[in-house]
Amino acid sequence: MQKNNSSRWLLDGLGKVWASPYTLLGLLYGLLGYAVGHLTFHCGWTKLRPDIKIGHNALQFLNNPLTIPYAAITLGNTISYGRGTSPDHWGAYGDPTVHIGRHEEAHTFQYQMLGPFFIPIYFMCGGVIGPARNPLEYAAQNFGRGSGSWWPWARSKIKNP
């Protein structure tokens, strides 16, 4: 039992290293949004204070003014949520049965598996056209719904964390 947990921890750490180029980009994007958000909040231009939390296998930036409102973007092991959404909301891609935080968490695991190849593969699969055509988005929707794996080409033996 202990060996299995150690293996899982080691694989998770290696995946985070593999995804680290995008995580660094996500940190820069998130921190820039955090700074802009604080500036606009303290100047009275917005009532939403930005925040940073850990959860869903990521460093999460909430109320990021650089992210499209009511949307989220995952870069490596970072997730930036725009105004009007948060990790505990439901409704990814307009589907009220999909938990947004879990949907984005699926993308962090996909980044850990694909590393620097995630974005090229994501766009080769169709990009942000939605879950109907992009298998990475389809898997994230199922994961967010609690009804499937985060990995789009999973066999039934792959277990969710």
N, C-alpha and C. Protein backbone atom coordinates (compact mmCIF):
# COMPACT_ATOMS: atom_id res chain seq x y z
N MET A 1 0.82 -1.19 0.00
CA MET A 1 0.00 0.00 0.00
C MET A 1 0.87 1.26 0.00
N GLN A 2 1.87 1.30 0.85
CA GLN A 2 2.77 2.45 0.94
C GLN A 2 3.51 2.66 -0.37
N LYS A 3 3.94 1.57 -1.01
CA LYS A 3 4.68 1.69 -2.26
C LYS A 3 3.81 2.34 -3.33
N ASN A 4 2.52 2.00 -3.38
CA ASN A 4 1.61 2.57 -4.35
C ASN A 4 1.48 4.08 -4.15
N ASN A 5 1.35 4.53 -2.89
CA ASN A 5 1.27 5.96 -2.61
C ASN A 5 2.56 6.68 -2.97
N SER A 6 3.70 6.04 -2.70
CA SER A 6 4.99 6.64 -3.05
C SER A 6 5.13 6.76 -4.56
N SER A 7 4.70 5.75 -5.28
CA SER A 7 4.77 5.78 -6.75
C SER A 7 3.88 6.88 -7.31
N ARG A 8 2.68 6.98 -6.75
CA ARG A 8 1.74 8.01 -7.22
C ARG A 8 2.31 9.40 -6.96
N TRP A 9 2.91 9.60 -5.76
CA TRP A 9 3.50 10.89 -5.41
C TRP A 9 4.66 11.22 -6.35
N LEU A 10 5.50 10.23 -6.64
CA LEU A 10 6.63 10.42 -7.53
C LEU A 10 6.17 10.76 -8.95
N LEU A 11 5.19 10.02 -9.46
CA LEU A 11 4.66 10.29 -10.80
C LEU A 11 4.01 11.67 -10.87
N ASP A 12 3.30 12.06 -9.81
CA ASP A 12 2.69 13.38 -9.78
C ASP A 12 3.76 14.47 -9.82
N GLY A 13 4.83 14.28 -9.05
CA GLY A 13 5.94 15.25 -9.05
C GLY A 13 6.62 15.34 -10.40
N LEU A 14 6.86 14.20 -11.01
CA LEU A 14 7.47 14.20 -12.35
C LEU A 14 6.56 14.87 -13.36
N GLY A 15 5.25 14.63 -13.25
CA GLY A 15 4.30 15.29 -14.14
C GLY A 15 4.30 16.79 -13.98
N LYS A 16 4.43 17.24 -12.74
CA LYS A 16 4.47 18.69 -12.50
C LYS A 16 5.75 19.31 -13.09
N VAL A 17 6.84 18.59 -13.00
CA VAL A 17 8.08 19.07 -13.63
C VAL A 17 7.90 19.11 -15.15
N TRP A 18 7.30 18.07 -15.72
CA TRP A 18 7.08 17.97 -17.17
C TRP A 18 6.18 19.11 -17.65
N ALA A 19 5.21 19.52 -16.81
CA ALA A 19 4.29 20.60 -17.17
C ALA A 19 4.83 21.98 -16.80
N SER A 20 6.00 22.04 -16.17
CA SER A 20 6.49 23.30 -15.60
C SER A 20 6.69 24.45 -16.59
N PRO A 21 7.03 24.22 -17.86
CA PRO A 21 7.12 25.40 -18.75
C PRO A 21 5.79 26.16 -18.85
N TYR A 22 4.69 25.41 -18.93
CA TYR A 22 3.38 26.07 -18.98
C TYR A 22 2.97 26.61 -17.60
N THR A 23 3.38 25.93 -16.55
CA THR A 23 3.08 26.42 -15.21
C THR A 23 3.76 27.77 -14.98
N LEU A 24 4.99 27.90 -15.43
CA LEU A 24 5.70 29.18 -15.31
C LEU A 24 4.96 30.27 -16.08
N LEU A 25 4.52 29.96 -17.29
CA LEU A 25 3.74 30.92 -18.07
C LEU A 25 2.45 31.28 -17.33
N GLY A 26 1.80 30.27 -16.75
CA GLY A 26 0.57 30.51 -15.99
C GLY A 26 0.81 31.35 -14.75
N LEU A 27 1.96 31.15 -14.09
CA LEU A 27 2.31 31.97 -12.93
C LEU A 27 2.48 33.44 -13.33
N LEU A 28 3.17 33.67 -14.43
CA LEU A 28 3.36 35.05 -14.91
C LEU A 28 2.01 35.69 -15.25
N TYR A 29 1.18 34.95 -15.97
CA TYR A 29 -0.15 35.44 -16.36
C TYR A 29 -1.01 35.70 -15.12
N GLY A 30 -1.02 34.75 -14.21
CA GLY A 30 -1.82 34.87 -12.99
C GLY A 30 -1.37 36.01 -12.10
N LEU A 31 -0.06 36.13 -11.91
CA LEU A 31 0.47 37.20 -11.06
C LEU A 31 0.26 38.58 -11.68
N LEU A 32 0.38 38.67 -13.01
CA LEU A 32 0.10 39.94 -13.68
C LEU A 32 -1.37 40.31 -13.48
N GLY A 33 -2.26 39.33 -13.66
CA GLY A 33 -3.68 39.58 -13.43
C GLY A 33 -3.98 39.95 -11.98
N TYR A 34 -3.27 39.29 -11.07
CA TYR A 34 -3.43 39.59 -9.64
C TYR A 34 -3.03 41.04 -9.36
N ALA A 35 -1.91 41.49 -9.93
CA ALA A 35 -1.46 42.87 -9.72
C ALA A 35 -2.43 43.87 -10.35
N VAL A 36 -2.86 43.61 -11.57
CA VAL A 36 -3.83 44.50 -12.24
C VAL A 36 -5.15 44.51 -11.46
N GLY A 37 -5.57 43.34 -10.99
CA GLY A 37 -6.81 43.26 -10.22
C GLY A 37 -6.75 44.05 -8.93
N HIS A 38 -5.61 43.99 -8.25
CA HIS A 38 -5.45 44.77 -7.01
C HIS A 38 -5.46 46.26 -7.32
N LEU A 39 -4.81 46.65 -8.37
CA LEU A 39 -4.79 48.06 -8.75
C LEU A 39 -6.20 48.56 -9.04
N THR A 40 -6.95 47.81 -9.85
CA THR A 40 -8.32 48.24 -10.19
C THR A 40 -9.24 48.20 -8.97
N PHE A 41 -9.01 47.25 -8.06
CA PHE A 41 -9.82 47.17 -6.85
C PHE A 41 -9.54 48.37 -5.94
N HIS A 42 -8.28 48.69 -5.72
CA HIS A 42 -7.92 49.78 -4.82
C HIS A 42 -8.24 51.16 -5.41
N CYS A 43 -8.32 51.24 -6.73
CA CYS A 43 -8.72 52.50 -7.37
C CYS A 43 -10.24 52.64 -7.43
N GLY A 44 -10.95 51.59 -7.02
CA GLY A 44 -12.41 51.64 -7.02
C GLY A 44 -13.04 51.34 -8.36
N TRP A 45 -12.28 50.82 -9.31
CA TRP A 45 -12.82 50.52 -10.65
C TRP A 45 -13.56 49.19 -10.70
N THR A 46 -13.35 48.37 -9.71
CA THR A 46 -14.05 47.09 -9.61
C THR A 46 -14.29 46.76 -8.14
N LYS A 47 -15.32 45.97 -7.89
CA LYS A 47 -15.62 45.57 -6.52
C LYS A 47 -15.08 44.19 -6.21
N LEU A 48 -14.46 43.57 -7.19
CA LEU A 48 -13.96 42.21 -7.01
C LEU A 48 -12.47 42.22 -6.70
N ARG A 49 -12.14 41.71 -5.53
CA ARG A 49 -10.74 41.62 -5.11
C ARG A 49 -10.17 40.31 -5.66
N PRO A 50 -9.01 40.35 -6.30
CA PRO A 50 -8.39 39.10 -6.76
C PRO A 50 -7.90 38.28 -5.57
N ASP A 51 -7.76 36.99 -5.79
CA ASP A 51 -7.32 36.11 -4.71
C ASP A 51 -6.49 34.98 -5.31
N ILE A 52 -5.68 34.36 -4.48
CA ILE A 52 -4.88 33.21 -4.90
C ILE A 52 -5.15 32.08 -3.91
N LYS A 53 -5.48 30.91 -4.43
CA LYS A 53 -5.74 29.75 -3.59
C LYS A 53 -5.07 28.52 -4.20
N ILE A 54 -4.89 27.51 -3.38
CA ILE A 54 -4.38 26.23 -3.86
C ILE A 54 -5.54 25.25 -3.87
N GLY A 55 -5.70 24.56 -4.97
CA GLY A 55 -6.76 23.56 -5.07
C GLY A 55 -6.86 23.05 -6.49
N HIS A 56 -7.53 21.95 -6.67
CA HIS A 56 -7.72 21.36 -8.00
C HIS A 56 -6.39 21.13 -8.72
N ASN A 57 -5.41 20.65 -7.95
CA ASN A 57 -4.09 20.31 -8.49
C ASN A 57 -3.38 21.52 -9.08
N ALA A 58 -3.68 22.72 -8.56
CA ALA A 58 -3.14 23.93 -9.17
C ALA A 58 -3.06 25.08 -8.18
N LEU A 59 -2.30 26.08 -8.57
CA LEU A 59 -2.34 27.39 -7.95
C LEU A 59 -3.43 28.14 -8.71
N GLN A 60 -4.48 28.59 -8.00
CA GLN A 60 -5.64 29.18 -8.64
C GLN A 60 -5.67 30.69 -8.43
N PHE A 61 -5.87 31.41 -9.51
CA PHE A 61 -5.98 32.87 -9.46
C PHE A 61 -7.45 33.22 -9.71
N LEU A 62 -8.09 33.79 -8.70
CA LEU A 62 -9.52 34.11 -8.79
C LEU A 62 -9.72 35.58 -9.11
N ASN A 63 -10.77 35.86 -9.86
CA ASN A 63 -11.12 37.22 -10.30
C ASN A 63 -9.97 37.87 -11.08
N ASN A 64 -9.37 37.10 -11.96
CA ASN A 64 -8.29 37.62 -12.80
C ASN A 64 -8.90 38.49 -13.90
N PRO A 65 -8.62 39.80 -13.91
CA PRO A 65 -9.22 40.68 -14.91
C PRO A 65 -8.68 40.44 -16.32
N LEU A 66 -7.61 39.68 -16.46
CA LEU A 66 -7.06 39.38 -17.78
C LEU A 66 -7.71 38.14 -18.40
N THR A 67 -8.53 37.44 -17.62
CA THR A 67 -9.22 36.25 -18.10
C THR A 67 -10.65 36.64 -18.48
N ILE A 68 -11.14 36.05 -19.54
CA ILE A 68 -12.49 36.36 -20.02
C ILE A 68 -13.49 36.13 -18.87
N PRO A 69 -14.41 37.09 -18.64
CA PRO A 69 -15.41 36.89 -17.59
C PRO A 69 -16.20 35.60 -17.79
N TYR A 70 -16.53 34.96 -16.70
CA TYR A 70 -17.30 33.71 -16.67
C TYR A 70 -16.57 32.56 -17.36
N ALA A 71 -15.24 32.63 -17.41
CA ALA A 71 -14.43 31.59 -18.03
C ALA A 71 -13.21 31.32 -17.16
N ALA A 72 -12.49 30.28 -17.52
CA ALA A 72 -11.25 29.94 -16.82
C ALA A 72 -10.26 29.43 -17.86
N ILE A 73 -8.98 29.56 -17.53
CA ILE A 73 -7.93 29.05 -18.40
C ILE A 73 -6.90 28.34 -17.54
N THR A 74 -6.48 27.18 -18.00
CA THR A 74 -5.47 26.40 -17.29
C THR A 74 -4.18 26.44 -18.08
N LEU A 75 -3.09 26.76 -17.40
CA LEU A 75 -1.75 26.72 -17.99
C LEU A 75 -0.88 25.92 -17.03
N GLY A 76 -0.54 24.70 -17.41
CA GLY A 76 0.23 23.82 -16.53
C GLY A 76 -0.55 23.55 -15.27
N ASN A 77 0.06 23.82 -14.13
CA ASN A 77 -0.61 23.62 -12.85
C ASN A 77 -1.05 24.95 -12.25
N THR A 78 -1.56 25.84 -13.11
CA THR A 78 -2.19 27.08 -12.67
C THR A 78 -3.54 27.18 -13.36
N ILE A 79 -4.50 27.76 -12.67
CA ILE A 79 -5.82 28.02 -13.24
C ILE A 79 -6.18 29.46 -12.93
N SER A 80 -6.53 30.23 -13.96
CA SER A 80 -6.99 31.61 -13.77
C SER A 80 -8.48 31.66 -14.08
N TYR A 81 -9.24 32.16 -13.11
CA TYR A 81 -10.69 32.29 -13.25
C TYR A 81 -11.04 33.75 -13.49
N GLY A 82 -11.85 34.01 -14.49
CA GLY A 82 -12.29 35.37 -14.77
C GLY A 82 -13.38 35.80 -13.81
N ARG A 83 -13.74 37.06 -13.92
CA ARG A 83 -14.82 37.62 -13.10
C ARG A 83 -16.09 36.81 -13.32
N GLY A 84 -16.78 36.51 -12.23
CA GLY A 84 -18.06 35.82 -12.34
C GLY A 84 -17.99 34.31 -12.29
N THR A 85 -16.81 33.75 -12.14
CA THR A 85 -16.70 32.30 -11.98
C THR A 85 -15.64 31.99 -10.94
N SER A 86 -15.72 30.80 -10.41
CA SER A 86 -14.75 30.37 -9.41
C SER A 86 -14.66 28.85 -9.44
N PRO A 87 -13.70 28.28 -8.73
CA PRO A 87 -13.52 26.83 -8.76
C PRO A 87 -14.71 26.05 -8.21
N ASP A 88 -15.58 26.69 -7.43
CA ASP A 88 -16.71 25.95 -6.87
C ASP A 88 -18.00 26.11 -7.67
N HIS A 89 -17.94 26.80 -8.80
CA HIS A 89 -19.13 26.98 -9.64
C HIS A 89 -19.35 25.77 -10.54
N TRP A 90 -20.56 25.69 -11.04
CA TRP A 90 -20.95 24.65 -12.00
C TRP A 90 -21.27 25.33 -13.33
N GLY A 91 -21.14 24.58 -14.43
CA GLY A 91 -21.56 25.12 -15.72
C GLY A 91 -20.47 25.28 -16.76
N ALA A 92 -19.43 24.45 -16.73
CA ALA A 92 -18.39 24.55 -17.76
C ALA A 92 -19.01 24.32 -19.14
N TYR A 93 -18.69 25.18 -20.07
CA TYR A 93 -19.26 25.15 -21.42
C TYR A 93 -20.78 25.17 -21.40
N GLY A 94 -21.35 25.84 -20.38
CA GLY A 94 -22.80 25.99 -20.30
C GLY A 94 -23.54 24.76 -19.81
N ASP A 95 -22.83 23.71 -19.43
CA ASP A 95 -23.47 22.49 -18.94
C ASP A 95 -23.57 22.56 -17.42
N PRO A 96 -24.77 22.71 -16.87
CA PRO A 96 -24.92 22.87 -15.42
C PRO A 96 -24.52 21.64 -14.61
N THR A 97 -24.27 20.52 -15.25
CA THR A 97 -23.88 19.31 -14.52
C THR A 97 -22.37 19.18 -14.39
N VAL A 98 -21.62 20.17 -14.91
CA VAL A 98 -20.15 20.08 -14.91
C VAL A 98 -19.56 21.09 -13.92
N HIS A 99 -18.80 20.58 -12.97
CA HIS A 99 -18.12 21.40 -11.96
C HIS A 99 -16.90 22.05 -12.63
N ILE A 100 -16.85 23.37 -12.61
CA ILE A 100 -15.78 24.09 -13.33
C ILE A 100 -14.40 23.77 -12.76
N GLY A 101 -14.27 23.74 -11.43
CA GLY A 101 -12.98 23.44 -10.82
C GLY A 101 -12.47 22.06 -11.23
N ARG A 102 -13.35 21.07 -11.23
CA ARG A 102 -12.96 19.71 -11.63
C ARG A 102 -12.63 19.67 -13.13
N HIS A 103 -13.37 20.41 -13.94
CA HIS A 103 -13.08 20.47 -15.38
C HIS A 103 -11.66 20.99 -15.59
N GLU A 104 -11.33 22.09 -14.93
CA GLU A 104 -9.99 22.67 -15.08
C GLU A 104 -8.92 21.76 -14.47
N GLU A 105 -9.26 21.08 -13.39
CA GLU A 105 -8.33 20.13 -12.78
C GLU A 105 -7.95 19.03 -13.77
N ALA A 106 -8.92 18.59 -14.56
CA ALA A 106 -8.63 17.58 -15.59
C ALA A 106 -7.55 18.09 -16.53
N HIS A 107 -7.63 19.36 -16.90
CA HIS A 107 -6.60 19.92 -17.79
C HIS A 107 -5.22 19.92 -17.13
N THR A 108 -5.15 20.12 -15.80
CA THR A 108 -3.83 20.08 -15.15
C THR A 108 -3.22 18.69 -15.27
N PHE A 109 -4.05 17.65 -15.13
CA PHE A 109 -3.54 16.28 -15.29
C PHE A 109 -3.13 16.02 -16.74
N GLN A 110 -3.89 16.57 -17.67
CA GLN A 110 -3.52 16.42 -19.09
C GLN A 110 -2.19 17.10 -19.38
N TYR A 111 -1.98 18.28 -18.80
CA TYR A 111 -0.68 18.95 -18.94
C TYR A 111 0.44 18.10 -18.35
N GLN A 112 0.18 17.49 -17.20
CA GLN A 112 1.21 16.66 -16.57
C GLN A 112 1.54 15.43 -17.41
N MET A 113 0.60 14.95 -18.18
CA MET A 113 0.84 13.79 -19.04
C MET A 113 1.54 14.21 -20.34
N LEU A 114 1.10 15.31 -20.92
CA LEU A 114 1.60 15.72 -22.24
C LEU A 114 2.75 16.72 -22.17
N GLY A 115 2.93 17.38 -21.04
CA GLY A 115 4.02 18.34 -20.88
C GLY A 115 4.01 19.41 -21.95
N PRO A 116 5.18 19.68 -22.55
CA PRO A 116 5.27 20.75 -23.54
C PRO A 116 4.47 20.49 -24.81
N PHE A 117 3.96 19.28 -24.96
CA PHE A 117 3.18 18.95 -26.16
C PHE A 117 1.69 19.24 -25.98
N PHE A 118 1.28 19.64 -24.76
CA PHE A 118 -0.15 19.83 -24.52
C PHE A 118 -0.78 20.83 -25.48
N ILE A 119 -0.25 22.03 -25.56
CA ILE A 119 -0.90 23.07 -26.38
C ILE A 119 -0.90 22.70 -27.86
N PRO A 120 0.21 22.20 -28.43
CA PRO A 120 0.10 21.78 -29.85
C PRO A 120 -0.94 20.68 -30.05
N ILE A 121 -0.98 19.71 -29.16
CA ILE A 121 -1.97 18.63 -29.30
C ILE A 121 -3.38 19.18 -29.09
N TYR A 122 -3.54 20.07 -28.13
CA TYR A 122 -4.85 20.68 -27.86
C TYR A 122 -5.38 21.36 -29.12
N PHE A 123 -4.53 22.13 -29.79
CA PHE A 123 -4.99 22.82 -30.99
C PHE A 123 -5.12 21.89 -32.19
N MET A 124 -4.32 20.84 -32.25
CA MET A 124 -4.51 19.85 -33.32
C MET A 124 -5.84 19.11 -33.14
N CYS A 125 -6.29 19.01 -31.89
CA CYS A 125 -7.58 18.36 -31.60
C CYS A 125 -8.75 19.32 -31.78
N GLY A 126 -8.49 20.57 -32.10
CA GLY A 126 -9.57 21.51 -32.37
C GLY A 126 -9.57 22.76 -31.53
N GLY A 127 -8.73 22.84 -30.51
CA GLY A 127 -8.67 24.05 -29.70
C GLY A 127 -9.92 24.25 -28.86
N VAL A 128 -10.33 25.50 -28.73
CA VAL A 128 -11.43 25.85 -27.85
C VAL A 128 -12.78 25.78 -28.55
N ILE A 129 -12.95 24.81 -29.40
CA ILE A 129 -14.24 24.67 -30.10
C ILE A 129 -15.29 23.99 -29.25
N GLY A 130 -14.89 23.50 -28.11
CA GLY A 130 -15.84 22.88 -27.20
C GLY A 130 -15.67 21.38 -27.11
N PRO A 131 -16.39 20.80 -26.17
CA PRO A 131 -16.21 19.38 -25.89
C PRO A 131 -16.75 18.45 -26.97
N ALA A 132 -17.59 18.94 -27.85
CA ALA A 132 -18.17 18.05 -28.87
C ALA A 132 -17.11 17.56 -29.85
N ARG A 133 -16.09 18.37 -30.11
CA ARG A 133 -15.09 18.01 -31.12
C ARG A 133 -13.69 17.81 -30.58
N ASN A 134 -13.38 18.37 -29.44
CA ASN A 134 -12.03 18.25 -28.89
C ASN A 134 -12.03 17.17 -27.80
N PRO A 135 -11.31 16.05 -28.01
CA PRO A 135 -11.34 14.97 -27.03
C PRO A 135 -10.77 15.37 -25.67
N LEU A 136 -9.85 16.34 -25.62
CA LEU A 136 -9.32 16.81 -24.34
C LEU A 136 -10.41 17.55 -23.56
N GLU A 137 -11.20 18.36 -24.25
CA GLU A 137 -12.31 19.06 -23.61
C GLU A 137 -13.43 18.09 -23.23
N TYR A 138 -13.69 17.12 -24.09
CA TYR A 138 -14.72 16.12 -23.81
C TYR A 138 -14.38 15.35 -22.53
N ALA A 139 -13.11 14.95 -22.39
CA ALA A 139 -12.67 14.23 -21.20
C ALA A 139 -12.77 15.13 -19.97
N ALA A 140 -12.39 16.41 -20.11
CA ALA A 140 -12.47 17.35 -18.98
C ALA A 140 -13.92 17.54 -18.55
N GLN A 141 -14.84 17.59 -19.51
CA GLN A 141 -16.27 17.70 -19.17
C GLN A 141 -16.73 16.48 -18.38
N ASN A 142 -16.36 15.30 -18.86
CA ASN A 142 -16.76 14.08 -18.15
C ASN A 142 -16.16 14.03 -16.75
N PHE A 143 -14.90 14.42 -16.62
CA PHE A 143 -14.25 14.45 -15.31
C PHE A 143 -14.96 15.44 -14.39
N GLY A 144 -15.29 16.62 -14.93
CA GLY A 144 -16.00 17.64 -14.16
C GLY A 144 -17.40 17.21 -13.76
N ARG A 145 -17.97 16.32 -14.52
CA ARG A 145 -19.29 15.78 -14.23
C ARG A 145 -19.20 14.61 -13.24
N GLY A 146 -17.96 14.10 -13.06
CA GLY A 146 -17.77 12.96 -12.18
C GLY A 146 -18.08 11.64 -12.85
N SER A 147 -18.08 11.63 -14.18
CA SER A 147 -18.49 10.41 -14.89
C SER A 147 -17.43 9.86 -15.82
N GLY A 148 -16.19 10.24 -15.65
CA GLY A 148 -15.17 9.71 -16.54
C GLY A 148 -13.77 10.13 -16.14
N SER A 149 -12.82 9.66 -16.90
CA SER A 149 -11.41 9.95 -16.67
C SER A 149 -11.04 11.31 -17.26
N TRP A 150 -9.99 11.91 -16.73
CA TRP A 150 -9.46 13.15 -17.28
C TRP A 150 -8.69 12.88 -18.58
N TRP A 151 -8.31 11.64 -18.82
CA TRP A 151 -7.52 11.28 -19.99
C TRP A 151 -8.45 10.84 -21.12
N PRO A 152 -8.41 11.52 -22.27
CA PRO A 152 -9.38 11.23 -23.33
C PRO A 152 -9.23 9.85 -23.97
N TRP A 153 -8.07 9.28 -23.91
CA TRP A 153 -7.84 7.99 -24.55
C TRP A 153 -7.67 6.91 -23.49
N ALA A 154 -8.38 7.09 -22.36
CA ALA A 154 -8.23 6.18 -21.22
C ALA A 154 -8.92 4.85 -21.49
N ARG A 155 -8.32 3.83 -20.96
CA ARG A 155 -8.99 2.54 -20.87
C ARG A 155 -9.57 2.46 -19.47
N SER A 156 -10.42 1.56 -19.26
CA SER A 156 -11.13 1.50 -17.97
C SER A 156 -10.21 1.29 -16.78
N LYS A 157 -8.97 0.87 -16.99
CA LYS A 157 -8.06 0.60 -15.86
C LYS A 157 -7.44 1.85 -15.27
N ILE A 158 -7.43 2.98 -16.00
CA ILE A 158 -6.87 4.21 -15.47
C ILE A 158 -7.83 4.77 -14.45
N LYS A 159 -7.34 5.05 -13.25
CA LYS A 159 -8.19 5.56 -12.17
C LYS A 159 -7.97 7.06 -12.01
N ASN A 160 -9.03 7.73 -11.61
CA ASN A 160 -8.94 9.15 -11.32
C ASN A 160 -8.32 9.34 -9.95
N PRO A 161 -7.54 10.41 -9.78
CA PRO A 161 -6.93 10.66 -8.46
C PRO A 161 -7.97 11.01 -7.42
